[in-house]
Amino acid sequence: MNNSSFDINYLSPTGLIGFWVLLIGISFTGIMFYFVFFNLNEDDDSYKDRKRKNLEKETQKQKIARLYPKG
């Protein structure tokens, strides 16, 4: 059962297939690192969430204004 068309050395890091597998693996790892640590840490709020936060700020300003009236 010796198949001479496929050599196991092709899968080593110095072989042709091994080199491409290693290169694709490093690229995939880099892309996942970017998405996990950089892209997902950005604070992207939805329209409703921004509207809710602005409403809470306005309500807080009104409550503070009632506690400390001017005049």
Protein backbone atom coordinates (compact mmCIF):
# COMPACT_ATOMS: atom_id res chain seq x y z
CA MET A 1 0.00 0.00 0.00
CA ASN A 2 2.81 2.38 -0.76
CA ASN A 3 1.40 5.31 -2.66
CA SER A 4 4.29 7.26 -4.13
CA SER A 5 2.17 10.18 -5.34
CA PHE A 6 1.55 11.47 -1.80
CA ASP A 7 4.52 12.15 0.42
CA ILE A 8 4.03 13.02 4.09
CA ASN A 9 6.78 15.63 3.80
CA TYR A 10 4.35 17.87 1.89
CA LEU A 11 2.54 18.50 5.18
CA SER A 12 5.64 19.67 7.06
CA PRO A 13 6.07 23.44 7.55
CA THR A 14 8.83 23.44 4.93
CA GLY A 15 6.64 21.56 2.43
CA LEU A 16 4.27 23.16 -0.03
CA ILE A 17 0.96 22.20 1.60
CA GLY A 18 2.28 22.70 5.13
CA PHE A 19 3.46 26.20 4.30
CA TRP A 20 0.03 27.22 3.00
CA VAL A 21 -1.76 25.65 5.97
CA LEU A 22 0.57 27.54 8.31
CA LEU A 23 0.08 30.81 6.41
CA ILE A 24 -3.73 30.48 6.41
CA GLY A 25 -3.69 29.60 10.13
CA ILE A 26 -1.62 32.66 11.02
CA SER A 27 -3.90 34.90 8.92
CA PHE A 28 -7.03 33.46 10.51
CA THR A 29 -5.55 33.91 14.00
CA GLY A 30 -4.70 37.54 13.21
CA ILE A 31 -8.19 38.26 11.92
CA MET A 32 -9.81 36.69 14.99
CA PHE A 33 -7.45 38.67 17.27
CA TYR A 34 -8.53 41.89 15.53
CA PHE A 35 -12.25 41.13 15.86
CA VAL A 36 -12.07 40.03 19.49
CA PHE A 37 -9.77 42.68 20.94
CA PHE A 38 -10.16 45.74 18.72
CA ASN A 39 -13.41 45.69 16.77
CA LEU A 40 -15.69 44.40 19.52
CA ASN A 41 -14.38 46.91 22.08
CA GLU A 42 -15.79 49.85 20.14
CA ASP A 43 -18.90 51.33 21.68
CA ASP A 44 -21.46 51.26 18.89
CA ASP A 45 -24.89 52.01 20.30
CA SER A 46 -28.10 51.63 18.38
CA TYR A 47 -30.40 54.56 17.65
CA LYS A 48 -32.82 53.56 20.43
CA ASP A 49 -30.00 53.16 22.94
CA ARG A 50 -28.61 56.63 22.15
CA LYS A 51 -32.12 58.09 22.42
CA ARG A 52 -32.63 56.37 25.79
CA LYS A 53 -29.30 57.67 27.12
CA ASN A 54 -30.09 61.23 26.00
CA LEU A 55 -33.51 61.01 27.66
CA GLU A 56 -31.89 59.82 30.90
CA LYS A 57 -29.44 62.75 30.78
CA GLU A 58 -32.26 65.25 30.26
CA THR A 59 -34.23 63.70 33.13
CA GLN A 60 -31.17 63.91 35.36
CA LYS A 61 -30.67 67.59 34.43
CA GLN A 62 -34.32 68.33 35.27
CA LYS A 63 -34.02 66.62 38.66
CA ILE A 64 -30.85 68.55 39.48
CA ALA A 65 -32.54 71.81 38.39
CA ARG A 66 -35.45 71.09 40.78
CA LEU A 67 -33.04 70.49 43.67
CA TYR A 68 -31.11 73.72 43.07
CA PRO A 69 -33.52 76.38 41.76
CA LYS A 70 -32.13 79.67 40.45
CA GLY A 71 -33.84 82.50 42.21
